[in-house]
Every structure is written in C-alpha cells, then in structure tokens.
PDB file of N, CA and C in Angstrom:
ATOM      1  N   UNK A   1     -17.859 -25.574 -10.180  1.00  0.00           N
ATOM      2  CA  UNK A   1     -17.103 -26.305 -11.405  1.00  0.00           C
ATOM      3  C   UNK A   1     -16.616 -26.203 -12.687  1.00  0.00           C
ATOM      4  N   UNK A   2     -17.612 -24.885 -13.073  1.00  0.00           N
ATOM      5  CA  UNK A   2     -16.891 -24.991 -14.348  1.00  0.00           C
ATOM      6  C   UNK A   2     -16.368 -24.088 -14.033  1.00  0.00           C
ATOM      7  N   UNK A   3     -16.006 -22.342 -13.355  1.00  0.00           N
ATOM      8  CA  UNK A   3     -15.606 -21.926 -13.338  1.00  0.00           C
ATOM      9  C   UNK A   3     -13.657 -22.722 -12.242  1.00  0.00           C
ATOM     10  N   UNK A   4     -13.544 -24.142 -11.830  1.00  0.00           N
ATOM     11  CA  UNK A   4     -13.030 -24.280 -11.795  1.00  0.00           C
ATOM     12  C   UNK A   4     -11.745 -24.710 -13.183  1.00  0.00           C
ATOM     13  N   UNK A   5     -12.963 -25.824 -13.959  1.00  0.00           N
ATOM     14  CA  UNK A   5     -12.497 -26.197 -15.223  1.00  0.00           C
ATOM     15  C   UNK A   5     -11.701 -24.660 -15.779  1.00  0.00           C
ATOM     16  N   UNK A   6     -12.752 -23.764 -16.114  1.00  0.00           N
ATOM     17  CA  UNK A   6     -11.911 -22.564 -16.755  1.00  0.00           C
ATOM     18  C   UNK A   6     -11.275 -22.187 -16.388  1.00  0.00           C
ATOM     19  N   UNK A   7     -10.626 -22.099 -15.657  1.00  0.00           N
ATOM     20  CA  UNK A   7      -9.411 -21.326 -14.045  1.00  0.00           C
ATOM     21  C   UNK A   7      -8.018 -22.570 -15.134  1.00  0.00           C
ATOM     22  N   UNK A   8      -9.154 -23.009 -14.450  1.00  0.00           N
ATOM     23  CA  UNK A   8      -8.185 -24.553 -15.456  1.00  0.00           C
ATOM     24  C   UNK A   8      -7.387 -24.474 -16.897  1.00  0.00           C
ATOM     25  N   UNK A   9      -8.258 -23.841 -17.692  1.00  0.00           N
ATOM     26  CA  UNK A   9      -7.380 -24.207 -19.553  1.00  0.00           C
ATOM     27  C   UNK A   9      -6.818 -22.306 -19.545  1.00  0.00           C
ATOM     28  N   UNK A  10      -7.687 -21.605 -18.359  1.00  0.00           N
ATOM     29  CA  UNK A  10      -6.957 -20.220 -19.211  1.00  0.00           C
ATOM     30  C   UNK A  10      -5.288 -20.232 -18.506  1.00  0.00           C
ATOM     31  N   UNK A  11      -4.997 -20.067 -16.706  1.00  0.00           N
ATOM     32  CA  UNK A  11      -4.225 -20.433 -16.620  1.00  0.00           C
ATOM     33  C   UNK A  11      -3.767 -20.177 -15.208  1.00  0.00           C
ATOM     34  N   UNK A  12      -3.142 -21.688 -15.981  1.00  0.00           N
ATOM     35  CA  UNK A  12      -2.824 -22.106 -14.380  1.00  0.00           C
ATOM     36  C   UNK A  12      -2.344 -20.745 -12.737  1.00  0.00           C
ATOM     37  N   UNK A  13      -2.000 -20.457 -12.944  1.00  0.00           N
ATOM     38  CA  UNK A  13      -0.973 -19.368 -12.229  1.00  0.00           C
ATOM     39  C   UNK A  13      -1.840 -18.798 -11.725  1.00  0.00           C
ATOM     40  N   UNK A  14      -4.062 -18.378 -12.057  1.00  0.00           N
ATOM     41  CA  UNK A  14      -4.362 -17.173 -11.905  1.00  0.00           C
ATOM     42  C   UNK A  14      -4.520 -17.754 -10.710  1.00  0.00           C
ATOM     43  N   UNK A  15      -4.887 -19.148  -9.764  1.00  0.00           N
ATOM     44  CA  UNK A  15      -4.816 -19.373  -7.825  1.00  0.00           C
ATOM     45  C   UNK A  15      -4.282 -18.650  -6.847  1.00  0.00           C
ATOM     46  N   UNK A  16      -3.036 -17.978  -7.705  1.00  0.00           N
ATOM     47  CA  UNK A  16      -1.603 -18.403  -7.171  1.00  0.00           C
ATOM     48  C   UNK A  16      -1.483 -16.598  -6.414  1.00  0.00           C
ATOM     49  N   UNK A  17      -1.955 -16.084  -7.062  1.00  0.00           N
ATOM     50  CA  UNK A  17      -2.043 -14.576  -7.124  1.00  0.00           C
ATOM     51  C   UNK A  17      -3.225 -14.027  -6.251  1.00  0.00           C
ATOM     52  N   UNK A  18      -3.602 -12.615  -6.649  1.00  0.00           N
ATOM     53  CA  UNK A  18      -4.494 -12.403  -5.582  1.00  0.00           C
ATOM     54  C   UNK A  18      -6.111 -12.557  -4.830  1.00  0.00           C
ATOM     55  N   UNK A  19      -6.550 -14.360  -6.372  1.00  0.00           N
ATOM     56  CA  UNK A  19      -7.843 -15.006  -5.774  1.00  0.00           C
ATOM     57  C   UNK A  19      -7.622 -15.541  -4.260  1.00  0.00           C
ATOM     58  N   UNK A  20      -6.359 -15.654  -3.603  1.00  0.00           N
ATOM     59  CA  UNK A  20      -6.385 -16.519  -1.983  1.00  0.00           C
ATOM     60  C   UNK A  20      -6.439 -15.488  -1.033  1.00  0.00           C
ATOM     61  N   UNK A  21      -6.584 -14.181  -1.460  1.00  0.00           N
ATOM     62  CA  UNK A  21      -6.112 -13.586  -0.189  1.00  0.00           C
ATOM     63  C   UNK A  21      -8.218 -12.954   0.290  1.00  0.00           C
ATOM     64  N   UNK A  22      -7.766 -12.817   1.242  1.00  0.00           N
ATOM     65  CA  UNK A  22      -8.755 -11.997   2.757  1.00  0.00           C
ATOM     66  C   UNK A  22      -9.923 -10.545   1.930  1.00  0.00           C
ATOM     67  N   UNK A  23      -8.923 -10.210   1.123  1.00  0.00           N
ATOM     68  CA  UNK A  23      -9.279  -9.169   1.319  1.00  0.00           C
ATOM     69  C   UNK A  23     -10.308  -8.330   0.575  1.00  0.00           C
ATOM     70  N   UNK A  24     -10.412  -8.967  -0.786  1.00  0.00           N
ATOM     71  CA  UNK A  24     -11.788  -9.287  -1.452  1.00  0.00           C
ATOM     72  C   UNK A  24     -12.811  -9.901  -0.962  1.00  0.00           C
ATOM     73  N   UNK A  25     -12.457 -11.278  -0.281  1.00  0.00           N
ATOM     74  CA  UNK A  25     -14.246 -10.801   1.657  1.00  0.00           C
ATOM     75  C   UNK A  25     -14.569 -10.199   1.917  1.00  0.00           C
ATOM     76  N   UNK A  26     -13.049  -8.594   2.680  1.00  0.00           N
ATOM     77  CA  UNK A  26     -13.778  -7.935   3.559  1.00  0.00           C
ATOM     78  C   UNK A  26     -13.751  -7.473   3.335  1.00  0.00           C
ATOM     79  N   UNK A  27     -13.590  -6.114   1.954  1.00  0.00           N
ATOM     80  CA  UNK A  27     -14.241  -5.784   1.170  1.00  0.00           C
ATOM     81  C   UNK A  27     -15.204  -5.207   0.857  1.00  0.00           C
ATOM     82  N   UNK A  28     -15.844  -6.775   0.269  1.00  0.00           N
ATOM     83  CA  UNK A  28     -16.910  -7.191  -0.036  1.00  0.00           C
ATOM     84  C   UNK A  28     -18.113  -7.849   1.163  1.00  0.00           C
ATOM     85  N   UNK A  29     -17.935  -8.113   2.071  1.00  0.00           N
ATOM     86  CA  UNK A  29     -18.589  -7.643   3.884  1.00  0.00           C
ATOM     87  C   UNK A  29     -18.498  -5.903   4.240  1.00  0.00           C
ATOM     88  N   UNK A  30     -17.582  -5.296   4.040  1.00  0.00           N
ATOM     89  CA  UNK A  30     -17.357  -4.042   5.074  1.00  0.00           C
ATOM     90  C   UNK A  30     -18.702  -2.814   4.003  1.00  0.00           C
ATOM     91  N   UNK A  31     -18.873  -3.405   3.416  1.00  0.00           N
ATOM     92  CA  UNK A  31     -19.879  -2.710   1.688  1.00  0.00           C
ATOM     93  C   UNK A  31     -21.020  -3.257   1.728  1.00  0.00           C
ATOM     94  N   UNK A  32     -21.216  -4.642   1.958  1.00  0.00           N
ATOM     95  CA  UNK A  32     -22.628  -5.114   2.368  1.00  0.00           C
ATOM     96  C   UNK A  32     -22.902  -5.105   3.334  1.00  0.00           C
ATOM     97  N   UNK A  33     -22.517  -5.044   4.182  1.00  0.00           N
ATOM     98  CA  UNK A  33     -22.737  -4.690   5.631  1.00  0.00           C
ATOM     99  C   UNK A  33     -23.809  -2.909   5.708  1.00  0.00           C
ATOM    100  N   UNK A  34     -22.645  -1.995   4.598  1.00  0.00           N
ATOM    101  CA  UNK A  34     -22.864  -0.123   5.345  1.00  0.00           C
ATOM    102  C   UNK A  34     -24.508  -0.438   4.109  1.00  0.00           C
ATOM    103  N   UNK A  35     -24.520  -1.540   3.031  1.00  0.00           N
ATOM    104  CA  UNK A  35     -25.712  -1.714   2.305  1.00  0.00           C
ATOM    105  C   UNK A  35     -27.106  -1.973   3.374  1.00  0.00           C
ATOM    106  N   UNK A  36     -26.980  -2.798   4.002  1.00  0.00           N
ATOM    107  CA  UNK A  36     -27.406  -3.744   5.149  1.00  0.00           C
ATOM    108  C   UNK A  36     -28.505  -2.596   5.594  1.00  0.00           C
ATOM    109  N   UNK A  37     -27.514  -1.072   6.336  1.00  0.00           N
ATOM    110  CA  UNK A  37     -28.128  -0.909   7.080  1.00  0.00           C
ATOM    111  C   UNK A  37     -29.477   0.112   7.139  1.00  0.00           C
ATOM    112  N   UNK A  38     -29.030   0.126   5.093  1.00  0.00           N
ATOM    113  CA  UNK A  38     -29.379   1.448   5.227  1.00  0.00           C
ATOM    114  C   UNK A  38     -31.547   1.731   4.536  1.00  0.00           C
ATOM    115  N   UNK A  39     -31.457  -0.185   4.521  1.00  0.00           N
ATOM    116  CA  UNK A  39     -32.884  -0.614   3.990  1.00  0.00           C
ATOM    117  C   UNK A  39     -33.503  -0.561   2.494  1.00  0.00           C
ATOM    118  N   UNK A  40     -32.271  -0.987   1.484  1.00  0.00           N
ATOM    119  CA  UNK A  40     -33.112  -1.643   0.348  1.00  0.00           C
ATOM    120  C   UNK A  40     -34.283  -2.412  -0.083  1.00  0.00           C
ATOM    121  N   UNK A  41     -34.541  -2.910  -1.530  1.00  0.00           N
ATOM    122  CA  UNK A  41     -35.833  -3.462  -1.454  1.00  0.00           C
ATOM    123  C   UNK A  41     -35.569  -4.347  -1.413  1.00  0.00           C
ATOM    124  N   UNK A  42     -35.794  -5.652  -1.904  1.00  0.00           N
ATOM    125  CA  UNK A  42     -35.628  -7.014  -3.030  1.00  0.00           C
ATOM    126  C   UNK A  42     -35.014  -6.945  -3.877  1.00  0.00           C
ATOM    127  N   UNK A  43     -36.092  -5.840  -4.797  1.00  0.00           N
ATOM    128  CA  UNK A  43     -35.863  -5.443  -5.783  1.00  0.00           C
ATOM    129  C   UNK A  43     -34.029  -4.952  -5.989  1.00  0.00           C
ATOM    130  N   UNK A  44     -33.954  -4.060  -5.121  1.00  0.00           N
ATOM    131  CA  UNK A  44     -32.561  -3.161  -5.361  1.00  0.00           C
ATOM    132  C   UNK A  44     -31.387  -4.807  -4.940  1.00  0.00           C
ATOM    133  N   UNK A  45     -31.359  -5.599  -4.297  1.00  0.00           N
ATOM    134  CA  UNK A  45     -30.479  -5.921  -4.110  1.00  0.00           C
ATOM    135  C   UNK A  45     -30.548  -7.604  -5.161  1.00  0.00           C
ATOM    136  N   UNK A  46     -31.778  -7.473  -5.652  1.00  0.00           N
ATOM    137  CA  UNK A  46     -32.032  -8.821  -6.777  1.00  0.00           C
ATOM    138  C   UNK A  46     -30.804  -7.813  -8.044  1.00  0.00           C
ATOM    139  N   UNK A  47     -30.660  -6.698  -8.134  1.00  0.00           N
ATOM    140  CA  UNK A  47     -30.434  -6.558  -9.044  1.00  0.00           C
ATOM    141  C   UNK A  47     -28.834  -6.460  -9.291  1.00  0.00           C
ATOM    142  N   UNK A  48     -28.693  -5.785  -7.915  1.00  0.00           N
ATOM    143  CA  UNK A  48     -27.128  -6.037  -6.702  1.00  0.00           C
ATOM    144  C   UNK A  48     -27.437  -7.678  -7.598  1.00  0.00           C
ATOM    145  N   UNK A  49     -27.075  -8.618  -6.847  1.00  0.00           N
ATOM    146  CA  UNK A  49     -26.486  -9.589  -6.396  1.00  0.00           C
ATOM    147  C   UNK A  49     -26.682  -9.717  -8.636  1.00  0.00           C
ATOM    148  N   UNK A  50     -27.908  -9.668  -9.414  1.00  0.00           N
ATOM    149  CA  UNK A  50     -27.086 -10.083 -11.005  1.00  0.00           C
ATOM    150  C   UNK A  50     -25.813  -9.202 -11.568  1.00  0.00           C
ATOM    151  N   UNK A  51     -25.837  -7.777 -10.956  1.00  0.00           N
ATOM    152  CA  UNK A  51     -24.537  -7.511 -11.784  1.00  0.00           C
ATOM    153  C   UNK A  51     -23.283  -8.242 -11.105  1.00  0.00           C
ATOM    154  N   UNK A  52     -23.147  -8.371  -9.555  1.00  0.00           N
ATOM    155  CA  UNK A  52     -21.878  -9.387  -9.417  1.00  0.00           C
ATOM    156  C   UNK A  52     -21.737 -10.452 -10.204  1.00  0.00           C
ATOM    157  N   UNK A  53     -22.983 -10.611 -10.057  1.00  0.00           N
ATOM    158  CA  UNK A  53     -22.606 -11.866 -10.756  1.00  0.00           C
ATOM    159  C   UNK A  53     -22.010 -11.901 -12.310  1.00  0.00           C
ATOM    160  N   UNK A  54     -22.724 -10.880 -13.319  1.00  0.00           N
ATOM    161  CA  UNK A  54     -22.134 -10.417 -14.589  1.00  0.00           C
ATOM    162  C   UNK A  54     -20.585  -9.758 -14.327  1.00  0.00           C
ATOM    163  N   UNK A  55     -20.436  -8.843 -13.856  1.00  0.00           N
ATOM    164  CA  UNK A  55     -19.353  -8.327 -13.282  1.00  0.00           C
ATOM    165  C   UNK A  55     -17.969  -9.721 -12.706  1.00  0.00           C
ATOM    166  N   UNK A  56     -18.309 -10.712 -12.987  1.00  0.00           N
ATOM    167  CA  UNK A  56     -17.368 -11.705 -12.114  1.00  0.00           C
ATOM    168  C   UNK A  56     -17.208 -12.729 -13.868  1.00  0.00           C
ATOM    169  N   UNK A  57     -17.956 -13.305 -14.053  1.00  0.00           N
ATOM    170  CA  UNK A  57     -18.077 -14.004 -15.871  1.00  0.00           C
ATOM    171  C   UNK A  57     -17.183 -13.034 -16.220  1.00  0.00           C
ATOM    172  N   UNK A  58     -17.319 -11.297 -16.605  1.00  0.00           N
ATOM    173  CA  UNK A  58     -16.460 -10.055 -17.554  1.00  0.00           C
ATOM    174  C   UNK A  58     -15.405 -10.697 -16.634  1.00  0.00           C
ATOM    175  N   UNK A  59     -14.878 -10.318 -16.330  1.00  0.00           N
ATOM    176  CA  UNK A  59     -13.713  -9.554 -14.675  1.00  0.00           C
ATOM    177  C   UNK A  59     -12.588 -11.097 -15.011  1.00  0.00           C
ATOM    178  N   UNK A  60     -13.194 -12.972 -15.282  1.00  0.00           N
ATOM    179  CA  UNK A  60     -12.663 -14.016 -15.577  1.00  0.00           C
ATOM    180  C   UNK A  60     -12.192 -13.693 -16.701  1.00  0.00           C
ATOM    181  N   UNK A  61     -12.272 -13.043 -17.359  1.00  0.00           N
ATOM    182  CA  UNK A  61     -12.102 -13.179 -19.207  1.00  0.00           C
ATOM    183  C   UNK A  61     -10.468 -12.091 -18.795  1.00  0.00           C
ATOM    184  N   UNK A  62     -10.836 -11.053 -18.268  1.00  0.00           N
ATOM    185  CA  UNK A  62     -10.259  -9.614 -19.013  1.00  0.00           C
ATOM    186  C   UNK A  62      -8.883  -9.459 -17.916  1.00  0.00           C
ATOM    187  N   UNK A  63      -8.367  -9.878 -18.701  1.00  0.00           N
ATOM    188  CA  UNK A  63      -6.310  -9.626 -18.165  1.00  0.00           C
ATOM    189  C   UNK A  63      -5.738  -9.311 -17.028  1.00  0.00           C
ATOM    190  N   UNK A  64      -5.404  -8.060 -16.975  1.00  0.00           N
ATOM    191  CA  UNK A  64      -5.864  -7.160 -15.477  1.00  0.00           C
ATOM    192  C   UNK A  64      -6.988  -7.545 -14.108  1.00  0.00           C
ATOM    193  N   UNK A  65      -7.699  -8.231 -14.568  1.00  0.00           N
ATOM    194  CA  UNK A  65      -9.315  -7.963 -13.094  1.00  0.00           C
ATOM    195  C   UNK A  65      -9.575  -9.022 -12.641  1.00  0.00           C
ATOM    196  N   UNK A  66      -8.961 -10.311 -13.680  1.00  0.00           N
ATOM    197  CA  UNK A  66      -9.513 -11.407 -13.776  1.00  0.00           C
ATOM    198  C   UNK A  66      -9.148 -11.701 -11.903  1.00  0.00           C
ATOM    199  N   UNK A  67      -7.410 -10.847 -11.131  1.00  0.00           N
ATOM    200  CA  UNK A  67      -6.959 -10.488 -10.053  1.00  0.00           C
ATOM    201  C   UNK A  67      -8.330 -10.378  -8.312  1.00  0.00           C
ATOM    202  N   UNK A  68      -8.981 -10.124  -9.220  1.00  0.00           N
ATOM    203  CA  UNK A  68     -10.294  -9.642  -8.751  1.00  0.00           C
ATOM    204  C   UNK A  68     -11.161  -9.442  -8.545  1.00  0.00           C
ATOM    205  N   UNK A  69     -11.699 -10.854  -8.902  1.00  0.00           N
ATOM    206  CA  UNK A  69     -12.820 -11.597  -9.575  1.00  0.00           C
ATOM    207  C   UNK A  69     -13.655 -11.707  -8.325  1.00  0.00           C
ATOM    208  N   UNK A  70     -12.740 -12.087  -6.671  1.00  0.00           N
ATOM    209  CA  UNK A  70     -13.026 -12.346  -5.486  1.00  0.00           C
ATOM    210  C   UNK A  70     -14.338 -11.283  -4.876  1.00  0.00           C
ATOM    211  N   UNK A  71     -13.516 -10.074  -5.667  1.00  0.00           N
ATOM    212  CA  UNK A  71     -15.319  -8.842  -5.212  1.00  0.00           C
ATOM    213  C   UNK A  71     -16.156  -9.179  -5.072  1.00  0.00           C
ATOM    214  N   UNK A  72     -16.612  -8.748  -6.415  1.00  0.00           N
ATOM    215  CA  UNK A  72     -17.838  -8.565  -7.418  1.00  0.00           C
ATOM    216  C   UNK A  72     -18.662 -10.494  -6.791  1.00  0.00           C
ATOM    217  N   UNK A  73     -18.460 -11.466  -7.387  1.00  0.00           N
ATOM    218  CA  UNK A  73     -18.306 -12.699  -6.952  1.00  0.00           C
ATOM    219  C   UNK A  73     -18.886 -12.262  -5.132  1.00  0.00           C
ATOM    220  N   UNK A  74     -18.404 -12.204  -4.152  1.00  0.00           N
ATOM    221  CA  UNK A  74     -18.171 -11.819  -2.890  1.00  0.00           C
ATOM    222  C   UNK A  74     -19.963 -10.922  -2.976  1.00  0.00           C
ATOM    223  N   UNK A  75     -19.910  -9.835  -3.103  1.00  0.00           N
ATOM    224  CA  UNK A  75     -21.050  -8.857  -3.112  1.00  0.00           C
ATOM    225  C   UNK A  75     -22.522 -10.104  -3.726  1.00  0.00           C
ATOM    226  N   UNK A  76     -21.970 -10.126  -5.106  1.00  0.00           N
ATOM    227  CA  UNK A  76     -23.189 -11.210  -5.319  1.00  0.00           C
ATOM    228  C   UNK A  76     -23.518 -12.479  -4.154  1.00  0.00           C
ATOM    229  N   UNK A  77     -22.641 -13.538  -3.126  1.00  0.00           N
ATOM    230  CA  UNK A  77     -23.179 -14.283  -2.293  1.00  0.00           C
ATOM    231  C   UNK A  77     -23.827 -13.295  -1.146  1.00  0.00           C
ATOM    232  N   UNK A  78     -22.628 -12.699  -1.101  1.00  0.00           N
ATOM    233  CA  UNK A  78     -23.418 -11.377   0.143  1.00  0.00           C
ATOM    234  C   UNK A  78     -25.254 -11.315   0.323  1.00  0.00           C
ATOM    235  N   UNK A  79     -24.703 -10.511  -0.974  1.00  0.00           N
ATOM    236  CA  UNK A  79     -26.745 -10.233  -1.553  1.00  0.00           C
ATOM    237  C   UNK A  79     -27.454 -11.128  -1.111  1.00  0.00           C
ATOM    238  N   UNK A  80     -26.452 -12.652  -2.298  1.00  0.00           N
ATOM    239  CA  UNK A  80     -27.825 -13.201  -1.270  1.00  0.00           C
ATOM    240  C   UNK A  80     -28.160 -13.448  -0.481  1.00  0.00           C
ATOM    241  N   UNK A  81     -27.075 -13.728   0.265  1.00  0.00           N
ATOM    242  CA  UNK A  81     -27.582 -14.120   1.868  1.00  0.00           C
ATOM    243  C   UNK A  81     -28.573 -13.292   2.701  1.00  0.00           C
ATOM    244  N   UNK A  82     -28.410 -11.595   1.467  1.00  0.00           N
ATOM    245  CA  UNK A  82     -29.420 -10.671   2.587  1.00  0.00           C
ATOM    246  C   UNK A  82     -30.822 -10.693   1.596  1.00  0.00           C
ATOM    247  N   UNK A  83     -30.882 -11.524   0.887  1.00  0.00           N
ATOM    248  CA  UNK A  83     -32.343 -11.438   0.514  1.00  0.00           C
ATOM    249  C   UNK A  83     -32.611 -12.929   1.420  1.00  0.00           C
ATOM    250  N   UNK A  84     -32.256 -13.205   0.987  1.00  0.00           N
ATOM    251  CA  UNK A  84     -32.534 -15.328   2.120  1.00  0.00           C
ATOM    252  C   UNK A  84     -33.524 -14.078   3.760  1.00  0.00           C
ATOM    253  N   UNK A  85     -32.194 -13.343   3.549  1.00  0.00           N
ATOM    254  CA  UNK A  85     -32.371 -13.211   5.997  1.00  0.00           C
ATOM    255  C   UNK A  85     -33.384 -12.792   5.714  1.00  0.00           C
ATOM    256  N   UNK A  86     -33.791 -11.371   4.635  1.00  0.00           N
ATOM    257  CA  UNK A  86     -35.450 -10.366   4.868  1.00  0.00           C
ATOM    258  C   UNK A  86     -36.185 -10.616   4.051  1.00  0.00           C
ATOM    259  N   UNK A  87     -36.394 -11.933   3.044  1.00  0.00           N
ATOM    260  CA  UNK A  87     -37.691 -13.430   3.526  1.00  0.00           C
ATOM    261  C   UNK A  87     -37.423 -13.668   4.407  1.00  0.00           C
ATOM    262  N   UNK A  88     -36.463 -14.156   5.347  1.00  0.00           N
ATOM    263  CA  UNK A  88     -37.333 -15.356   5.946  1.00  0.00           C
ATOM    264  C   UNK A  88     -37.791 -14.080   6.736  1.00  0.00           C
ATOM    265  N   UNK A  89     -37.883 -12.699   7.411  1.00  0.00           N
ATOM    266  CA  UNK A  89     -38.405 -12.019   8.109  1.00  0.00           C
ATOM    267  C   UNK A  89     -39.401 -11.155   7.626  1.00  0.00           C
ATOM    268  N   UNK A  90     -40.051 -11.135   6.295  1.00  0.00           N
ATOM    269  CA  UNK A  90     -41.275 -11.222   6.352  1.00  0.00           C
ATOM    270  C   UNK A  90     -42.084 -12.538   6.420  1.00  0.00           C
ATOM    271  N   UNK A  91     -41.779 -13.925   5.967  1.00  0.00           N
ATOM    272  CA  UNK A  91     -42.533 -14.375   7.447  1.00  0.00           C
ATOM    273  C   UNK A  91     -43.024 -14.939   8.703  1.00  0.00           C
ATOM    274  N   UNK A  92     -41.490 -14.207   9.361  1.00  0.00           N
ATOM    275  CA  UNK A  92     -42.476 -14.148  10.752  1.00  0.00           C
ATOM    276  C   UNK A  92     -43.728 -13.506  10.789  1.00  0.00           C
TER     277      UNK A  92
END
C-alpha cells in the first residue's frame, strides 16, 4: 500500500514503463532457480531477502533505476518463498 502511495505521489508515468514487463520476473526467477540448486544455507537466503528489500527501497527513489525495481523485489519475494520451502522440508 505504501508503495502505491509513493508511486502516485512521485511519478504517475512510472507504472507505464518497464515495471509492467515480465522480464524482471523472468530474470529473477532464473537467478533464484540457479541459486536454489547450489544448496545455500538459511542465513544466506535471509541476507538475499534483506539485500533485495533494501535495493528495492533505494531503486524506487532513483530516477533511472526505478524502471528496474522489479528485479530486486522479485528476488526478495522468490528468496522468501525458497526459505519457506526449506523450512517445510526441515519439518518433515
């Protein structure tokens, strides 16, 4: 909700640019699939989530980087999903 308010206040044309493309999700998904096969620990996944969230916050306010904000946000989201899957496997 806060992101929608920030985008509305900052720049109304921001959503009509590259944020709508699927490339950010596709590239992030391929990167996370490659990292998922390496067997990283839970602490590293938490670090990737934090880094993705911080990069998203930074990229929203940068004039040229905001068009690629989907990359770090999808990396944070997919890393969180990977962490949930790892937790579920540990419970079994």
